[in-house]
N, C-alpha and C. Protein backbone atom coordinates (compact mmCIF):
# COMPACT_ATOMS: atom_id res chain seq x y z
N MET A 1 2.65 -2.54 2.68
CA MET A 1 2.68 -1.09 2.51
C MET A 1 1.42 -0.59 1.82
N GLY A 2 0.36 -1.37 1.91
CA GLY A 2 -0.89 -1.01 1.26
C GLY A 2 -1.51 0.26 1.79
N GLY A 3 -1.32 0.55 3.07
CA GLY A 3 -1.86 1.78 3.63
C GLY A 3 -1.25 3.01 2.99
N TYR A 4 0.02 2.92 2.63
CA TYR A 4 0.68 4.02 1.95
C TYR A 4 0.14 4.19 0.54
N VAL A 5 -0.07 3.07 -0.13
CA VAL A 5 -0.63 3.11 -1.49
C VAL A 5 -2.03 3.75 -1.45
N GLY A 6 -2.82 3.37 -0.44
CA GLY A 6 -4.15 3.95 -0.30
C GLY A 6 -4.11 5.45 -0.08
N GLN A 7 -3.16 5.92 0.71
CA GLN A 7 -3.05 7.36 0.95
C GLN A 7 -2.60 8.09 -0.31
N ALA A 8 -1.69 7.50 -1.06
CA ALA A 8 -1.25 8.11 -2.31
C ALA A 8 -2.41 8.16 -3.31
N TYR A 9 -3.21 7.09 -3.35
CA TYR A 9 -4.39 7.07 -4.22
C TYR A 9 -5.37 8.17 -3.80
N SER A 10 -5.56 8.32 -2.50
CA SER A 10 -6.46 9.36 -1.99
C SER A 10 -5.97 10.75 -2.38
N GLN A 11 -4.66 10.94 -2.40
CA GLN A 11 -4.09 12.22 -2.80
C GLN A 11 -4.39 12.49 -4.28
N LEU A 12 -4.24 11.46 -5.11
CA LEU A 12 -4.45 11.62 -6.55
C LEU A 12 -5.92 11.66 -6.94
N PHE A 13 -6.74 10.89 -6.25
CA PHE A 13 -8.16 10.75 -6.61
C PHE A 13 -9.03 10.90 -5.36
N PRO A 14 -9.08 12.08 -4.77
CA PRO A 14 -9.75 12.25 -3.47
C PRO A 14 -11.24 11.91 -3.48
N ASN A 15 -11.88 12.02 -4.61
CA ASN A 15 -13.32 11.77 -4.67
C ASN A 15 -13.67 10.34 -5.09
N LYS A 16 -12.70 9.51 -5.29
CA LYS A 16 -12.94 8.13 -5.73
C LYS A 16 -13.12 7.16 -4.57
N LEU A 17 -12.53 7.45 -3.43
CA LEU A 17 -12.60 6.52 -2.30
C LEU A 17 -13.93 6.65 -1.57
N ARG A 18 -14.51 5.51 -1.22
CA ARG A 18 -15.73 5.52 -0.41
C ARG A 18 -15.42 5.16 1.04
N GLY A 19 -14.23 4.59 1.26
CA GLY A 19 -13.80 4.23 2.60
C GLY A 19 -12.32 3.93 2.58
N PHE A 20 -11.70 4.05 3.76
CA PHE A 20 -10.26 3.82 3.88
C PHE A 20 -10.00 3.14 5.21
N VAL A 21 -9.26 2.03 5.16
CA VAL A 21 -8.85 1.33 6.37
C VAL A 21 -7.34 1.19 6.35
N SER A 22 -6.71 1.64 7.40
CA SER A 22 -5.26 1.49 7.56
C SER A 22 -5.03 0.38 8.57
N VAL A 23 -4.41 -0.71 8.13
CA VAL A 23 -4.08 -1.82 9.02
C VAL A 23 -2.57 -1.78 9.28
N ASP A 24 -2.21 -1.34 10.46
CA ASP A 24 -0.80 -1.28 10.87
C ASP A 24 0.06 -0.47 9.91
N SER A 25 -0.52 0.53 9.33
CA SER A 25 0.24 1.43 8.48
C SER A 25 0.53 2.70 9.27
N ALA A 26 0.85 3.77 8.60
CA ALA A 26 1.16 5.03 9.26
C ALA A 26 0.86 6.15 8.28
N PRO A 27 0.73 7.36 8.77
CA PRO A 27 0.44 8.49 7.88
C PRO A 27 1.64 8.83 7.01
N LEU A 28 1.36 9.30 5.80
CA LEU A 28 2.42 9.71 4.89
C LEU A 28 2.83 11.17 5.05
N GLN A 29 2.07 11.92 5.79
CA GLN A 29 2.39 13.34 5.94
C GLN A 29 3.78 13.51 6.56
N ARG A 30 4.52 14.46 6.03
CA ARG A 30 5.89 14.71 6.45
C ARG A 30 6.01 15.03 7.94
N LYS A 31 5.00 15.69 8.49
CA LYS A 31 5.11 16.17 9.86
C LYS A 31 5.23 15.05 10.90
N TYR A 32 4.88 13.84 10.53
CA TYR A 32 4.91 12.75 11.51
C TYR A 32 6.28 12.09 11.66
N ALA A 33 7.10 12.17 10.64
CA ALA A 33 8.40 11.50 10.67
C ALA A 33 9.52 12.48 11.01
N THR A 34 10.47 12.00 11.77
CA THR A 34 11.62 12.85 12.08
C THR A 34 12.59 12.83 10.89
N ALA A 35 13.47 13.80 10.85
CA ALA A 35 14.48 13.85 9.79
C ALA A 35 15.35 12.59 9.85
N ALA A 36 15.67 12.14 11.06
CA ALA A 36 16.49 10.93 11.21
C ALA A 36 15.76 9.70 10.66
N GLU A 37 14.46 9.60 10.89
CA GLU A 37 13.71 8.45 10.37
C GLU A 37 13.72 8.43 8.85
N ILE A 38 13.53 9.59 8.24
CA ILE A 38 13.55 9.66 6.78
C ILE A 38 14.94 9.34 6.25
N TRP A 39 15.97 9.85 6.91
CA TRP A 39 17.35 9.56 6.51
C TRP A 39 17.60 8.05 6.55
N LEU A 40 17.15 7.40 7.62
CA LEU A 40 17.34 5.95 7.76
C LEU A 40 16.55 5.17 6.71
N LEU A 41 15.32 5.59 6.44
CA LEU A 41 14.52 4.90 5.43
C LEU A 41 15.23 4.85 4.09
N LYS A 42 15.93 5.90 3.75
CA LYS A 42 16.63 5.97 2.47
C LYS A 42 17.87 5.08 2.43
N ARG A 43 18.29 4.58 3.57
CA ARG A 43 19.54 3.83 3.66
C ARG A 43 19.35 2.41 4.18
N MET A 44 18.16 1.87 4.04
CA MET A 44 17.90 0.53 4.58
C MET A 44 18.48 -0.60 3.72
N GLU A 45 18.66 -0.36 2.44
CA GLU A 45 19.21 -1.43 1.60
C GLU A 45 20.54 -1.94 2.11
N PRO A 46 21.55 -1.09 2.37
CA PRO A 46 22.81 -1.63 2.87
C PRO A 46 22.68 -2.25 4.26
N VAL A 47 21.77 -1.75 5.07
CA VAL A 47 21.55 -2.35 6.39
C VAL A 47 21.07 -3.78 6.20
N TYR A 48 20.06 -3.97 5.36
CA TYR A 48 19.52 -5.32 5.11
C TYR A 48 20.52 -6.21 4.38
N ARG A 49 21.37 -5.61 3.57
CA ARG A 49 22.36 -6.39 2.83
C ARG A 49 23.43 -6.96 3.76
N HIS A 50 23.79 -6.21 4.81
CA HIS A 50 24.88 -6.62 5.69
C HIS A 50 24.44 -7.25 7.00
N TYR A 51 23.17 -7.19 7.28
CA TYR A 51 22.62 -7.80 8.49
C TYR A 51 22.73 -9.31 8.34
N PRO A 52 23.21 -10.05 9.32
CA PRO A 52 23.28 -11.51 9.17
C PRO A 52 21.89 -12.09 8.85
N TRP A 53 21.82 -12.90 7.81
CA TRP A 53 20.54 -13.39 7.29
C TRP A 53 19.69 -14.08 8.36
N LYS A 54 20.30 -14.96 9.14
CA LYS A 54 19.52 -15.66 10.17
C LYS A 54 18.96 -14.68 11.21
N SER A 55 19.72 -13.68 11.55
CA SER A 55 19.23 -12.66 12.48
C SER A 55 18.13 -11.81 11.85
N LEU A 56 18.27 -11.52 10.57
CA LEU A 56 17.25 -10.76 9.86
C LEU A 56 15.94 -11.55 9.79
N LEU A 57 16.06 -12.86 9.54
CA LEU A 57 14.86 -13.71 9.53
C LEU A 57 14.17 -13.68 10.90
N LYS A 58 14.97 -13.80 11.95
CA LYS A 58 14.40 -13.82 13.30
C LYS A 58 13.76 -12.48 13.65
N SER A 59 14.48 -11.38 13.42
CA SER A 59 13.92 -10.07 13.76
C SER A 59 12.75 -9.72 12.85
N GLY A 60 12.83 -10.14 11.60
CA GLY A 60 11.72 -9.87 10.67
C GLY A 60 10.46 -10.58 11.05
N THR A 61 10.57 -11.85 11.42
CA THR A 61 9.37 -12.62 11.76
C THR A 61 8.84 -12.26 13.14
N ASN A 62 9.73 -12.10 14.10
CA ASN A 62 9.28 -11.76 15.46
C ASN A 62 8.85 -10.30 15.56
N GLY A 63 9.35 -9.48 14.66
CA GLY A 63 9.04 -8.06 14.71
C GLY A 63 7.69 -7.68 14.15
N VAL A 64 7.08 -8.55 13.37
CA VAL A 64 5.82 -8.17 12.73
C VAL A 64 4.59 -8.88 13.29
N ALA A 65 4.80 -9.97 14.00
CA ALA A 65 3.65 -10.74 14.48
C ALA A 65 3.96 -11.31 15.86
N VAL A 66 2.90 -11.59 16.61
CA VAL A 66 3.08 -12.21 17.91
C VAL A 66 2.59 -13.65 17.92
N THR A 67 1.76 -14.02 16.94
CA THR A 67 1.27 -15.40 16.89
C THR A 67 2.17 -16.25 16.02
N GLU A 68 2.16 -17.53 16.28
CA GLU A 68 2.94 -18.46 15.47
C GLU A 68 2.50 -18.39 14.01
N TYR A 69 1.19 -18.31 13.79
CA TYR A 69 0.65 -18.23 12.43
C TYR A 69 1.19 -17.00 11.69
N GLY A 70 1.11 -15.83 12.33
CA GLY A 70 1.60 -14.60 11.70
C GLY A 70 3.09 -14.63 11.43
N ARG A 71 3.83 -15.18 12.37
CA ARG A 71 5.28 -15.27 12.18
C ARG A 71 5.64 -16.25 11.06
N LYS A 72 4.89 -17.32 10.96
CA LYS A 72 5.15 -18.30 9.89
C LYS A 72 4.88 -17.68 8.52
N LEU A 73 3.82 -16.89 8.40
CA LEU A 73 3.55 -16.23 7.13
C LEU A 73 4.70 -15.32 6.72
N MET A 74 5.22 -14.56 7.67
CA MET A 74 6.34 -13.66 7.37
C MET A 74 7.60 -14.45 7.03
N LEU A 75 7.85 -15.51 7.79
CA LEU A 75 9.02 -16.34 7.51
C LEU A 75 8.92 -16.94 6.11
N ASP A 76 7.75 -17.44 5.76
CA ASP A 76 7.57 -18.02 4.42
C ASP A 76 7.83 -16.98 3.33
N MET A 77 7.37 -15.75 3.55
CA MET A 77 7.60 -14.70 2.57
C MET A 77 9.09 -14.39 2.46
N MET A 78 9.75 -14.28 3.62
CA MET A 78 11.17 -13.95 3.60
C MET A 78 12.01 -15.09 3.01
N MET A 79 11.60 -16.32 3.24
CA MET A 79 12.38 -17.47 2.76
C MET A 79 12.40 -17.58 1.24
N VAL A 80 11.51 -16.88 0.58
CA VAL A 80 11.56 -16.81 -0.89
C VAL A 80 12.92 -16.25 -1.31
N TYR A 81 13.51 -15.43 -0.46
CA TYR A 81 14.78 -14.78 -0.76
C TYR A 81 15.97 -15.48 -0.11
N ASP A 82 15.75 -16.64 0.49
CA ASP A 82 16.84 -17.40 1.10
C ASP A 82 17.88 -17.70 0.03
N GLY A 83 19.10 -17.36 0.28
CA GLY A 83 20.16 -17.54 -0.70
C GLY A 83 20.35 -16.33 -1.59
N ASP A 84 19.48 -15.35 -1.50
CA ASP A 84 19.61 -14.13 -2.30
C ASP A 84 19.26 -12.91 -1.44
N GLN A 85 19.99 -12.75 -0.36
CA GLN A 85 19.75 -11.65 0.56
C GLN A 85 19.89 -10.31 -0.15
N ALA A 86 20.79 -10.23 -1.13
CA ALA A 86 20.98 -8.97 -1.85
C ALA A 86 19.68 -8.55 -2.54
N ARG A 87 18.96 -9.51 -3.09
CA ARG A 87 17.68 -9.20 -3.75
C ARG A 87 16.65 -8.73 -2.73
N TYR A 88 16.60 -9.40 -1.58
CA TYR A 88 15.68 -8.99 -0.52
C TYR A 88 16.01 -7.56 -0.07
N ALA A 89 17.29 -7.30 0.14
CA ALA A 89 17.72 -5.97 0.58
C ALA A 89 17.37 -4.91 -0.45
N LYS A 90 17.57 -5.23 -1.71
CA LYS A 90 17.27 -4.28 -2.78
C LYS A 90 15.78 -3.97 -2.84
N LEU A 91 14.95 -5.00 -2.74
CA LEU A 91 13.51 -4.82 -2.78
C LEU A 91 13.02 -4.02 -1.57
N ALA A 92 13.45 -4.41 -0.37
CA ALA A 92 13.04 -3.70 0.85
C ALA A 92 13.56 -2.27 0.83
N GLY A 93 14.82 -2.11 0.45
CA GLY A 93 15.41 -0.77 0.39
C GLY A 93 14.67 0.13 -0.57
N HIS A 94 14.28 -0.42 -1.72
CA HIS A 94 13.53 0.36 -2.71
C HIS A 94 12.20 0.82 -2.12
N GLY A 95 11.50 -0.09 -1.45
CA GLY A 95 10.22 0.27 -0.84
C GLY A 95 10.37 1.36 0.21
N PHE A 96 11.40 1.25 1.03
CA PHE A 96 11.61 2.26 2.06
C PHE A 96 12.02 3.61 1.46
N ARG A 97 12.79 3.59 0.36
CA ARG A 97 13.16 4.85 -0.30
C ARG A 97 11.92 5.54 -0.87
N ILE A 98 11.04 4.75 -1.50
CA ILE A 98 9.80 5.32 -2.04
C ILE A 98 8.98 5.94 -0.92
N LEU A 99 8.91 5.25 0.21
CA LEU A 99 8.18 5.76 1.36
C LEU A 99 8.77 7.10 1.82
N ALA A 100 10.09 7.17 1.94
CA ALA A 100 10.75 8.41 2.36
C ALA A 100 10.47 9.53 1.36
N GLU A 101 10.54 9.23 0.08
CA GLU A 101 10.28 10.25 -0.94
C GLU A 101 8.85 10.74 -0.91
N ALA A 102 7.91 9.84 -0.64
CA ALA A 102 6.50 10.24 -0.53
C ALA A 102 6.32 11.17 0.66
N MET A 103 6.99 10.89 1.76
CA MET A 103 6.92 11.78 2.93
C MET A 103 7.56 13.13 2.62
N GLU A 104 8.71 13.09 1.98
CA GLU A 104 9.42 14.34 1.67
C GLU A 104 8.65 15.22 0.69
N ALA A 105 7.76 14.63 -0.09
CA ALA A 105 6.95 15.42 -1.02
C ALA A 105 6.06 16.40 -0.27
N ASP A 106 5.82 16.13 1.00
CA ASP A 106 5.07 17.01 1.89
C ASP A 106 3.69 17.35 1.33
N LEU A 107 3.01 16.33 0.81
CA LEU A 107 1.65 16.49 0.31
C LEU A 107 0.67 16.30 1.45
N PRO A 108 -0.56 16.79 1.31
CA PRO A 108 -1.52 16.67 2.41
C PRO A 108 -1.99 15.24 2.69
N TYR A 109 -2.07 14.39 1.67
CA TYR A 109 -2.53 13.01 1.84
C TYR A 109 -3.76 12.93 2.75
N GLU A 110 -4.71 13.83 2.51
CA GLU A 110 -5.92 13.86 3.34
C GLU A 110 -6.84 12.70 2.98
N ILE A 111 -7.43 12.13 4.00
CA ILE A 111 -8.44 11.08 3.82
C ILE A 111 -9.79 11.77 3.97
N GLN A 112 -10.53 11.87 2.88
CA GLN A 112 -11.78 12.63 2.88
C GLN A 112 -13.01 11.73 2.82
N CYS A 113 -12.87 10.52 3.28
CA CYS A 113 -13.98 9.56 3.27
C CYS A 113 -14.02 8.90 4.64
N PRO A 114 -15.07 8.14 4.92
CA PRO A 114 -15.07 7.41 6.19
C PRO A 114 -13.81 6.55 6.30
N ALA A 115 -13.20 6.55 7.47
CA ALA A 115 -11.91 5.88 7.62
C ALA A 115 -11.78 5.24 9.00
N LEU A 116 -10.84 4.33 9.09
CA LEU A 116 -10.55 3.64 10.33
C LEU A 116 -9.07 3.29 10.38
N LEU A 117 -8.45 3.56 11.50
CA LEU A 117 -7.07 3.15 11.74
C LEU A 117 -7.11 1.92 12.63
N ILE A 118 -6.34 0.90 12.25
CA ILE A 118 -6.23 -0.32 13.04
C ILE A 118 -4.75 -0.52 13.32
N CYS A 119 -4.42 -0.79 14.59
CA CYS A 119 -3.02 -0.95 14.95
C CYS A 119 -2.89 -1.98 16.07
N GLY A 120 -1.97 -2.91 15.93
CA GLY A 120 -1.70 -3.88 16.97
C GLY A 120 -1.07 -3.21 18.18
N GLU A 121 -1.53 -3.57 19.37
CA GLU A 121 -0.97 -2.99 20.59
C GLU A 121 0.51 -3.33 20.77
N LYS A 122 0.96 -4.40 20.12
CA LYS A 122 2.35 -4.82 20.23
C LYS A 122 3.11 -4.60 18.93
N ASP A 123 2.69 -3.58 18.18
CA ASP A 123 3.34 -3.26 16.90
C ASP A 123 4.66 -2.58 17.19
N HIS A 124 5.75 -3.25 16.87
CA HIS A 124 7.08 -2.70 17.11
C HIS A 124 7.83 -2.42 15.82
N ALA A 125 7.08 -2.33 14.72
CA ALA A 125 7.71 -2.00 13.43
C ALA A 125 7.87 -0.48 13.36
N GLY A 126 9.10 -0.05 13.39
CA GLY A 126 9.36 1.38 13.34
C GLY A 126 8.65 2.10 14.47
N SER A 127 7.97 3.16 14.14
CA SER A 127 7.27 3.99 15.12
C SER A 127 5.77 3.98 14.89
N CYS A 128 5.23 2.85 14.43
CA CYS A 128 3.81 2.80 14.05
C CYS A 128 2.87 3.21 15.18
N ILE A 129 3.14 2.79 16.38
CA ILE A 129 2.24 3.15 17.48
C ILE A 129 2.25 4.67 17.69
N ARG A 130 3.43 5.26 17.72
CA ARG A 130 3.52 6.73 17.88
C ARG A 130 2.84 7.44 16.72
N TYR A 131 3.10 6.98 15.49
CA TYR A 131 2.48 7.59 14.31
C TYR A 131 0.96 7.50 14.37
N ASN A 132 0.43 6.34 14.73
CA ASN A 132 -1.03 6.16 14.74
C ASN A 132 -1.70 6.99 15.83
N LYS A 133 -1.07 7.10 16.98
CA LYS A 133 -1.63 7.96 18.03
C LYS A 133 -1.72 9.40 17.54
N ALA A 134 -0.68 9.88 16.91
CA ALA A 134 -0.67 11.26 16.41
C ALA A 134 -1.65 11.43 15.25
N TRP A 135 -1.73 10.46 14.37
CA TRP A 135 -2.65 10.51 13.22
C TRP A 135 -4.09 10.60 13.71
N ASN A 136 -4.42 9.79 14.69
CA ASN A 136 -5.75 9.80 15.28
C ASN A 136 -6.02 11.16 15.96
N ARG A 137 -5.07 11.62 16.74
CA ARG A 137 -5.21 12.89 17.45
C ARG A 137 -5.41 14.06 16.49
N ASP A 138 -4.61 14.10 15.42
CA ASP A 138 -4.63 15.24 14.49
C ASP A 138 -5.82 15.24 13.55
N THR A 139 -6.31 14.06 13.18
CA THR A 139 -7.36 13.98 12.16
C THR A 139 -8.72 13.59 12.71
N GLY A 140 -8.73 12.97 13.86
CA GLY A 140 -9.99 12.47 14.39
C GLY A 140 -10.43 11.16 13.77
N ILE A 141 -9.61 10.58 12.89
CA ILE A 141 -9.94 9.28 12.34
C ILE A 141 -9.94 8.29 13.50
N PRO A 142 -11.03 7.53 13.67
CA PRO A 142 -11.08 6.58 14.78
C PRO A 142 -9.96 5.54 14.69
N ILE A 143 -9.50 5.12 15.85
CA ILE A 143 -8.47 4.09 15.89
C ILE A 143 -8.94 2.94 16.77
N GLU A 144 -8.63 1.74 16.32
CA GLU A 144 -8.91 0.53 17.09
C GLU A 144 -7.57 -0.14 17.37
N TRP A 145 -7.31 -0.39 18.67
CA TRP A 145 -6.08 -1.06 19.10
C TRP A 145 -6.39 -2.54 19.24
N ILE A 146 -5.61 -3.38 18.57
CA ILE A 146 -5.85 -4.82 18.57
C ILE A 146 -4.97 -5.47 19.64
N GLU A 147 -5.63 -6.08 20.62
CA GLU A 147 -4.90 -6.75 21.70
C GLU A 147 -4.14 -7.96 21.16
N ASN A 148 -3.00 -8.23 21.75
CA ASN A 148 -2.18 -9.39 21.40
C ASN A 148 -1.91 -9.48 19.91
N ALA A 149 -1.63 -8.32 19.31
CA ALA A 149 -1.33 -8.29 17.88
C ALA A 149 -0.13 -7.37 17.66
N GLY A 150 0.68 -7.76 16.67
CA GLY A 150 1.84 -6.97 16.31
C GLY A 150 1.57 -6.14 15.07
N HIS A 151 2.60 -5.96 14.26
CA HIS A 151 2.52 -5.10 13.07
C HIS A 151 1.59 -5.68 12.01
N ASN A 152 1.45 -6.96 11.96
CA ASN A 152 0.51 -7.60 11.03
C ASN A 152 -0.68 -8.09 11.83
N SER A 153 -1.43 -7.13 12.39
CA SER A 153 -2.53 -7.52 13.28
C SER A 153 -3.59 -8.35 12.56
N ASN A 154 -3.68 -8.20 11.25
CA ASN A 154 -4.64 -9.02 10.51
C ASN A 154 -4.23 -10.50 10.48
N THR A 155 -2.97 -10.81 10.73
CA THR A 155 -2.58 -12.23 10.83
C THR A 155 -2.63 -12.71 12.27
N ASP A 156 -2.47 -11.80 13.22
CA ASP A 156 -2.52 -12.16 14.63
C ASP A 156 -3.95 -12.26 15.15
N ALA A 157 -4.84 -11.44 14.63
CA ALA A 157 -6.23 -11.41 15.08
C ALA A 157 -7.16 -11.18 13.89
N PRO A 158 -7.17 -12.10 12.93
CA PRO A 158 -7.94 -11.86 11.69
C PRO A 158 -9.43 -11.66 11.92
N GLU A 159 -10.02 -12.38 12.86
CA GLU A 159 -11.46 -12.23 13.09
C GLU A 159 -11.80 -10.83 13.58
N VAL A 160 -10.99 -10.31 14.49
CA VAL A 160 -11.22 -8.97 15.04
C VAL A 160 -11.05 -7.92 13.94
N VAL A 161 -9.97 -8.01 13.18
CA VAL A 161 -9.70 -7.04 12.13
C VAL A 161 -10.80 -7.10 11.07
N ASN A 162 -11.18 -8.31 10.66
CA ASN A 162 -12.24 -8.43 9.65
C ASN A 162 -13.56 -7.86 10.13
N GLU A 163 -13.89 -8.07 11.40
CA GLU A 163 -15.14 -7.53 11.94
C GLU A 163 -15.11 -6.00 11.94
N LEU A 164 -13.98 -5.41 12.27
CA LEU A 164 -13.87 -3.95 12.25
C LEU A 164 -14.04 -3.40 10.84
N ILE A 165 -13.44 -4.07 9.88
CA ILE A 165 -13.58 -3.64 8.48
C ILE A 165 -15.03 -3.80 8.03
N GLU A 166 -15.63 -4.93 8.35
CA GLU A 166 -17.03 -5.17 7.97
C GLU A 166 -17.95 -4.13 8.60
N ARG A 167 -17.69 -3.74 9.84
CA ARG A 167 -18.50 -2.73 10.52
C ARG A 167 -18.41 -1.39 9.79
N LEU A 168 -17.19 -1.00 9.39
CA LEU A 168 -17.03 0.26 8.64
C LEU A 168 -17.80 0.19 7.32
N VAL A 169 -17.71 -0.93 6.63
CA VAL A 169 -18.40 -1.09 5.35
C VAL A 169 -19.92 -0.98 5.55
N ARG A 170 -20.44 -1.61 6.60
CA ARG A 170 -21.88 -1.51 6.88
C ARG A 170 -22.29 -0.06 7.17
N GLU A 171 -21.44 0.68 7.89
CA GLU A 171 -21.74 2.06 8.23
C GLU A 171 -21.75 2.96 6.98
N ILE A 172 -20.90 2.61 6.04
CA ILE A 172 -20.83 3.41 4.80
C ILE A 172 -22.08 3.17 3.98
């Protein structure tokens, strides 16, 4: 959720950022999310608490990455909570509630520095593809679509993502 943190930082300290890269994140502006999406974000803890753990592991790992490496990283992270699904649900639910509240604040979250949006072409986490298309269209922030990459495109195609970030840094 680093892209959200970056946007919140930009809102608080607009003149401090020299560059901004969103990797498989989405805009925080309220206009991009539907009322139903915000409603669901606030209620993810019980969903994660009652979802069968093995199914959650499978959907969590397959849902964020397309490569074996990327899926293994996600599985390893999730397995920290093996045997304590309630803790995982509480942590994830808290993060999603904070996200919903940030959207509901209806702040501009403008990016006023050189920026780049990066999104995996196979990103199936929520509505990231739809959000990024609209974010690019509305702001003109350039977007790079990463082939054969999911929601964690930096784990599916690290060389490509790193080169894009390095290119932005050189341009700045």
